[in-house]
Protein backbone atom coordinates (compact mmCIF):
# COMPACT_ATOMS: atom_id res chain seq x y z
CA MET A 1 -18.93 -34.64 -16.18
CA ASN A 2 -20.72 -33.35 -13.14
CA ALA A 3 -21.96 -29.77 -13.07
CA THR A 4 -24.27 -27.69 -10.97
CA TRP A 5 -26.50 -25.32 -12.93
CA ASP A 6 -27.81 -22.11 -11.42
CA MET A 7 -29.48 -19.32 -13.38
CA ALA A 8 -28.73 -15.72 -12.43
CA LEU A 9 -28.66 -12.24 -13.93
CA LEU A 10 -25.22 -10.65 -14.15
CA ARG A 11 -26.59 -7.15 -14.86
CA PRO A 12 -30.15 -7.10 -13.44
CA TYR A 13 -30.40 -3.29 -13.55
CA TRP A 14 -31.12 -3.55 -17.30
CA LEU A 15 -34.55 -4.94 -16.39
CA PHE A 16 -35.59 -1.42 -15.39
CA ALA A 17 -35.54 -0.58 -19.10
CA LEU A 18 -38.40 -3.01 -19.81
CA PRO A 19 -41.29 -0.87 -18.45
CA VAL A 20 -39.89 2.16 -20.29
CA VAL A 21 -39.72 0.21 -23.55
CA VAL A 22 -43.25 -1.15 -23.07
CA LEU A 23 -44.58 2.37 -22.39
CA PHE A 24 -42.98 3.89 -25.48
CA GLY A 25 -44.08 0.91 -27.57
CA PHE A 26 -47.69 1.34 -26.41
CA LEU A 27 -47.65 5.07 -27.18
CA SER A 28 -46.05 4.48 -30.55
CA ALA A 29 -48.57 1.79 -31.51
CA ARG A 30 -51.47 3.95 -30.37
CA LYS A 31 -50.26 6.85 -32.49
CA ALA A 32 -49.69 4.60 -35.50
CA ARG A 33 -53.39 3.73 -35.76
CA ASN A 34 -53.96 7.08 -37.41
CA LEU A 35 -52.00 9.86 -39.04
CA GLY A 36 -51.52 11.78 -35.85
CA SER A 37 -51.98 15.54 -36.11
CA TRP A 38 -52.34 15.40 -39.92
CA GLU A 39 -55.98 14.37 -39.55
CA ASN A 40 -56.61 17.49 -37.47
CA THR A 41 -54.85 19.75 -39.97
CA VAL A 42 -55.88 18.49 -43.42
CA ASP A 43 -59.41 19.11 -44.65
CA PRO A 44 -61.49 15.95 -44.06
CA VAL A 45 -62.79 15.94 -47.66
CA LEU A 46 -59.25 16.19 -49.01
CA MET A 47 -58.09 13.43 -46.68
CA GLU A 48 -60.87 11.10 -47.87
CA ALA A 49 -60.03 11.91 -51.50
CA MET A 50 -56.35 11.09 -50.87
CA ARG A 51 -57.33 7.81 -49.24
CA ALA A 52 -59.58 6.97 -52.20
CA MET A 53 -56.66 7.63 -54.56
CA GLY A 54 -54.41 5.38 -52.47
CA ARG A 55 -52.11 8.22 -51.49
CA VAL A 56 -52.68 7.73 -47.75
CA ALA A 57 -52.71 4.38 -45.95
CA ARG A 58 -54.53 3.89 -42.68
CA GLY A 59 -52.19 3.08 -39.81
CA THR A 60 -52.53 -0.35 -38.24
CA GLY A 61 -50.06 -0.01 -35.35
CA GLU A 62 -48.48 -3.37 -36.17
CA ARG A 63 -45.32 -1.94 -37.65
CA ASN A 64 -44.50 -0.05 -34.45
CA LEU A 65 -44.83 -3.08 -32.16
CA TRP A 66 -41.87 -4.92 -33.66
CA PRO A 67 -39.19 -2.36 -32.67
CA ALA A 68 -40.59 -2.39 -29.13
CA LEU A 69 -40.34 -6.20 -29.02
CA ALA A 70 -36.76 -5.98 -30.33
CA ALA A 71 -35.87 -3.41 -27.65
CA CYS A 72 -37.32 -5.71 -24.97
CA GLY A 73 -35.15 -8.54 -26.27
CA VAL A 74 -32.06 -6.34 -26.19
CA ALA A 75 -32.81 -5.26 -22.60
CA LEU A 76 -33.20 -8.89 -21.53
CA ALA A 77 -29.92 -9.79 -23.27
CA LEU A 78 -28.06 -6.94 -21.56
CA SER A 79 -29.34 -8.10 -18.18
CA GLY A 80 -26.96 -11.03 -18.57
CA PRO A 81 -28.87 -14.26 -18.01
CA ALA A 82 -26.12 -16.69 -17.04
CA VAL A 83 -25.65 -20.23 -15.82
CA GLU A 84 -23.23 -21.10 -13.03
CA VAL A 85 -20.77 -23.80 -14.08
CA ARG A 86 -18.80 -25.47 -11.30
CA ASP A 87 -16.80 -28.00 -13.31
CA SER A 88 -14.22 -25.56 -14.66
CA LYS A 89 -10.62 -26.54 -13.98
CA GLY A 90 -8.58 -24.33 -11.69
CA PHE A 91 -4.83 -23.85 -11.65
CA ARG A 92 -2.43 -22.71 -8.97
CA ASN A 93 1.02 -21.25 -9.06
CA LEU A 94 3.90 -23.57 -8.19
CA ASP A 95 6.11 -20.61 -7.29
CA GLY A 96 5.97 -19.30 -3.75
CA ILE A 97 7.51 -16.90 -1.27
CA ILE A 98 7.77 -17.26 2.48
CA ILE A 99 8.90 -14.42 4.69
CA VAL A 100 10.60 -15.60 7.87
CA PHE A 101 10.37 -12.69 10.30
CA ASP A 102 12.33 -12.37 13.53
CA ILE A 103 10.09 -11.29 16.45
CA SER A 104 12.61 -11.84 19.23
CA ARG A 105 13.00 -9.10 21.82
CA SER A 106 16.26 -7.83 20.33
CA MET A 107 14.38 -7.30 17.07
CA THR A 108 11.01 -5.98 18.21
CA GLU A 109 12.48 -3.65 20.84
CA GLY A 110 15.17 -2.38 18.47
CA PRO A 111 15.13 1.16 17.07
CA GLN A 112 14.54 -0.01 13.49
CA PHE A 113 11.69 -2.45 14.04
CA ALA A 114 9.03 -0.19 12.46
CA GLU A 115 11.26 0.35 9.42
CA ALA A 116 11.78 -3.42 9.17
CA VAL A 117 8.02 -3.97 9.05
CA VAL A 118 7.62 -1.35 6.29
CA ALA A 119 10.47 -2.86 4.26
CA THR A 120 9.00 -6.35 4.63
CA ARG A 121 5.60 -5.12 3.45
CA THR A 122 7.37 -3.67 0.40
CA ILE A 123 8.85 -7.08 -0.32
CA ALA A 124 5.46 -8.76 0.11
CA ALA A 125 3.90 -6.31 -2.35
CA VAL A 126 6.09 -7.57 -5.22
CA ALA A 127 4.88 -11.16 -4.91
CA GLY A 128 2.47 -10.65 -7.81
CA SER A 129 0.64 -13.85 -8.63
CA ARG A 130 2.97 -15.99 -6.54
CA GLN A 131 1.71 -17.52 -3.32
CA ILE A 132 3.18 -15.95 -0.21
CA GLY A 133 3.28 -16.99 3.43
CA LEU A 134 4.63 -15.72 6.73
CA VAL A 135 6.62 -17.49 9.43
CA LEU A 136 7.44 -15.82 12.75
CA PHE A 137 10.18 -16.96 15.07
CA ALA A 138 11.79 -16.14 18.36
CA ASN A 139 12.94 -19.06 20.52
CA ASP A 140 10.44 -21.20 18.57
CA ALA A 141 8.79 -20.81 15.15
CA TYR A 142 5.14 -20.09 14.39
CA MET A 143 3.03 -19.84 11.27
CA GLY A 144 2.04 -16.19 10.91
CA SER A 145 0.01 -16.63 7.72
CA ALA A 146 -0.78 -19.59 5.50
CA MET A 147 0.14 -19.53 1.82
CA THR A 148 -2.05 -16.99 0.06
CA SER A 149 -2.13 -14.98 -3.16
CA ASP A 150 -3.17 -11.83 -1.29
CA GLY A 151 -0.03 -9.92 -0.37
CA ASN A 152 -2.08 -7.13 1.19
CA ALA A 153 -3.45 -9.52 3.83
CA LEU A 154 0.11 -10.45 4.73
CA GLY A 155 0.98 -6.79 5.13
CA ALA A 156 -1.91 -6.34 7.55
CA THR A 157 -0.56 -9.17 9.71
CA LEU A 158 2.91 -7.64 9.74
CA ALA A 159 1.48 -4.33 10.93
CA LEU A 160 0.12 -6.02 14.07
CA LEU A 161 3.47 -7.38 15.28
CA THR A 162 4.74 -6.06 18.61
CA SER A 163 7.26 -7.01 21.26
CA GLU A 164 4.46 -8.99 22.98
CA THR A 165 3.72 -11.19 19.94
CA ALA A 166 6.16 -13.96 20.91
CA PRO A 167 5.50 -15.73 24.22
CA ASP A 168 9.12 -16.84 24.56
CA GLU A 169 12.56 -15.24 24.63
CA GLY A 170 15.54 -16.05 22.49
CA SER A 171 16.24 -16.24 18.76
CA ASN A 172 16.47 -19.45 16.73
CA PRO A 173 16.30 -18.60 13.02
CA GLU A 174 16.98 -22.20 12.06
CA ARG A 175 13.57 -23.14 13.48
CA GLY A 176 11.91 -20.47 11.36
CA LEU A 177 13.73 -21.68 8.26
CA GLY A 178 12.87 -25.28 9.07
CA LEU A 179 9.17 -24.44 9.43
CA ALA A 180 9.29 -22.53 6.13
CA ARG A 181 10.80 -25.55 4.39
CA GLN A 182 8.11 -27.79 5.89
CA ILE A 183 5.30 -25.47 4.72
CA LEU A 184 6.71 -25.27 1.19
CA THR A 185 7.04 -29.04 1.01
CA GLN A 186 3.49 -29.64 2.20
CA ALA A 187 2.13 -27.02 -0.22
CA GLU A 188 4.04 -28.76 -3.04
CA ILE A 189 5.73 -25.52 -4.02
CA LYS A 190 8.41 -26.44 -6.53
CA PHE A 191 10.25 -23.14 -6.87
CA ALA A 192 10.38 -20.93 -3.80
CA ASP A 193 12.06 -17.89 -2.32
CA ILE A 194 12.53 -17.50 1.40
CA VAL A 195 13.25 -14.04 2.80
CA LEU A 196 14.72 -13.97 6.28
CA VAL A 197 14.22 -10.66 8.09
CA THR A 198 16.55 -10.61 11.08
CA ASP A 199 19.02 -8.60 13.11
CA GLY A 200 21.43 -11.52 12.91
CA GLY A 201 20.75 -12.88 16.37
CA GLY A 202 21.12 -16.64 16.74
CA ILE A 203 22.64 -17.26 13.30
CA GLY A 204 25.15 -20.08 13.49
CA SER A 205 25.94 -23.52 12.14
CA GLU A 206 22.36 -24.81 12.48
CA ALA A 207 20.96 -21.92 10.44
CA ALA A 208 23.69 -22.51 7.84
CA LEU A 209 22.64 -26.17 7.64
CA GLU A 210 19.04 -25.13 6.98
CA ALA A 211 20.26 -22.79 4.26
CA GLN A 212 22.10 -25.68 2.63
CA LEU A 213 18.96 -27.83 2.72
CA LEU A 214 16.94 -25.07 1.11
CA ALA A 215 19.51 -24.57 -1.62
CA LYS A 216 19.66 -28.32 -2.24
CA ALA A 217 15.87 -28.31 -2.74
CA GLY A 218 16.21 -25.62 -5.41
CA MET A 219 15.00 -22.79 -3.18
CA HIS A 220 16.60 -19.40 -2.66
CA LEU A 221 17.24 -17.88 0.76
CA SER A 222 17.60 -14.12 0.77
CA VAL A 223 18.24 -12.04 3.90
CA LEU A 224 17.05 -8.58 4.86
CA TYR A 225 19.43 -7.48 7.61
CA THR A 226 18.38 -5.07 10.35
CA ARG A 227 21.18 -3.70 12.45
CA GLY A 228 20.34 -3.79 16.14
CA GLU A 229 22.05 -3.10 19.43
CA ASN A 230 21.95 -6.77 20.48
CA GLY A 231 21.95 -8.29 17.01
CA GLY A 232 24.44 -10.58 15.34
CA ASP A 233 27.34 -10.10 12.96
CA SER A 234 26.45 -8.88 9.47
CA GLY A 235 29.23 -11.09 8.05
CA ALA A 236 27.45 -14.23 9.28
CA VAL A 237 24.17 -12.95 7.82
CA ARG A 238 25.79 -12.26 4.46
CA ALA A 239 27.35 -15.72 4.45
CA LEU A 240 23.95 -17.27 5.19
CA ALA A 241 22.43 -15.60 2.13
CA GLN A 242 25.33 -16.80 0.00
CA THR A 243 24.88 -20.37 1.26
CA GLY A 244 21.19 -20.21 0.41
CA ASN A 245 21.80 -18.98 -3.16
CA GLY A 246 19.99 -15.77 -2.33
CA VAL A 247 20.52 -12.03 -2.06
CA PHE A 248 21.72 -10.01 0.91
CA ALA A 249 20.31 -6.55 1.59
CA GLU A 250 20.30 -4.16 4.50
CA LEU A 251 17.26 -2.36 5.85
CA GLU A 252 18.36 0.99 4.40
CA ASP A 253 18.20 -0.50 0.88
CA PRO A 254 15.85 -3.51 0.66
CA PHE A 255 15.41 -3.22 -3.10
CA PRO A 256 18.04 -5.83 -4.11
CA VAL A 257 15.80 -8.45 -2.48
CA ALA A 258 12.56 -6.90 -3.77
CA ASP A 259 13.90 -6.56 -7.32
CA THR A 260 15.12 -10.16 -7.35
CA LEU A 261 11.68 -11.45 -6.35
CA GLU A 262 9.94 -9.19 -8.86
CA ASP A 263 12.18 -10.24 -11.74
CA ARG A 264 11.54 -13.95 -11.38
CA VAL A 265 9.43 -15.20 -14.29
CA VAL A 266 6.42 -17.23 -13.19
CA THR A 267 5.52 -19.91 -15.71
CA ARG A 268 4.90 -23.00 -13.60
CA LEU A 269 1.26 -23.91 -13.01
CA ALA A 270 -0.54 -27.03 -11.83
CA GLU A 271 -4.17 -28.07 -11.79
CA THR A 272 -5.77 -27.75 -8.37
CA ASP A 273 -8.29 -30.01 -6.69
CA TYR A 274 -10.72 -27.11 -6.49
CA ALA A 275 -12.98 -26.17 -9.39
CA LEU A 276 -13.52 -22.56 -10.29
CA ILE A 277 -16.99 -21.06 -10.16
CA LEU A 278 -17.66 -19.42 -13.52
CA TRP A 279 -20.69 -17.87 -15.18
CA ARG A 280 -21.63 -18.60 -18.77
CA ASP A 281 -23.46 -15.59 -20.19
CA TYR A 282 -26.30 -16.45 -22.61
CA GLY A 283 -27.22 -12.83 -23.30
CA ARG A 284 -25.54 -12.95 -26.71
CA TYR A 285 -28.04 -15.56 -27.88
CA LEU A 286 -30.95 -13.37 -26.80
CA LEU A 287 -29.50 -10.64 -29.02
CA LEU A 288 -29.83 -12.99 -31.97
CA VAL A 289 -33.48 -13.60 -31.04
CA ALA A 290 -34.04 -9.83 -30.87
CA LEU A 291 -32.96 -9.54 -34.51
CA PHE A 292 -36.10 -11.29 -35.76
CA PRO A 293 -38.55 -8.49 -34.80
CA ILE A 294 -36.19 -6.00 -36.42
CA LEU A 295 -36.10 -8.03 -39.63
CA TRP A 296 -39.90 -8.27 -39.57
CA THR A 297 -40.04 -4.48 -39.30
CA PHE A 298 -38.05 -4.08 -42.51
CA ARG A 299 -40.18 -6.76 -44.18
CA GLY A 300 -43.30 -4.72 -43.52
CA MET A 301 -41.92 -1.57 -45.11
CA ARG A 302 -43.13 -0.46 -48.50
CA ALA A 303 -41.37 1.75 -50.96
């Protein structure tokens, strides 16, 4: 087993307590060498008589050093001395979501484009621990964002989309769906949801074939439909979602798609090739060491 060891302090601010503890320990030990203000108050002859009778013991200062040492040990323990361990196994989620977003001119120049972006960000926010990616398409398909567990980063990318994002004209959703299937296959995602955000432009037999391939692979194709002036027929869009074993929703009510993604139970994990970087805190063992000065303090007490 290979491991890289690095010592660090998880809570270094506790070290500021050390000089305070040392100061109070020094003052306490200095005061313990005598009886404090009693020697200035009691008559010296009476004090000597009480010492001779064994009623008063001279302070040595030793008893007060042990609590200070214990407090130093506690401060060191709370500072969190830890060792970095790099051989911890990491796991990744085998469930994933890819949003296939239409950025053709009919979509981006449509009156509901801003609302479509907001609705898509809502869908991305329910991904939870599932990996999520973004595919953009117009006449061709492009990767908008690689698979990530940070849905907020995906939302930031969506907010930057404009009518100038795509360098080409036209709308070929089958290319976007094909690229999504390729990404999911390469990422070894076993159970995936694809959400197609479109105004229906370009949906035909080739897009239906891609939906069949996705369904055959055990994936679910849902569609968020945005009505546009130059968009396609909503009936064809609804049929595409049915072919892909997914859910159809319109922009005015995207929650059927969002709720379906949120309700899916994620239980499929696999070990990754990347090890996690963890810290093993040894402060608890320093607390055990700090107990010994405290025990010695009680040992020195007399009834």
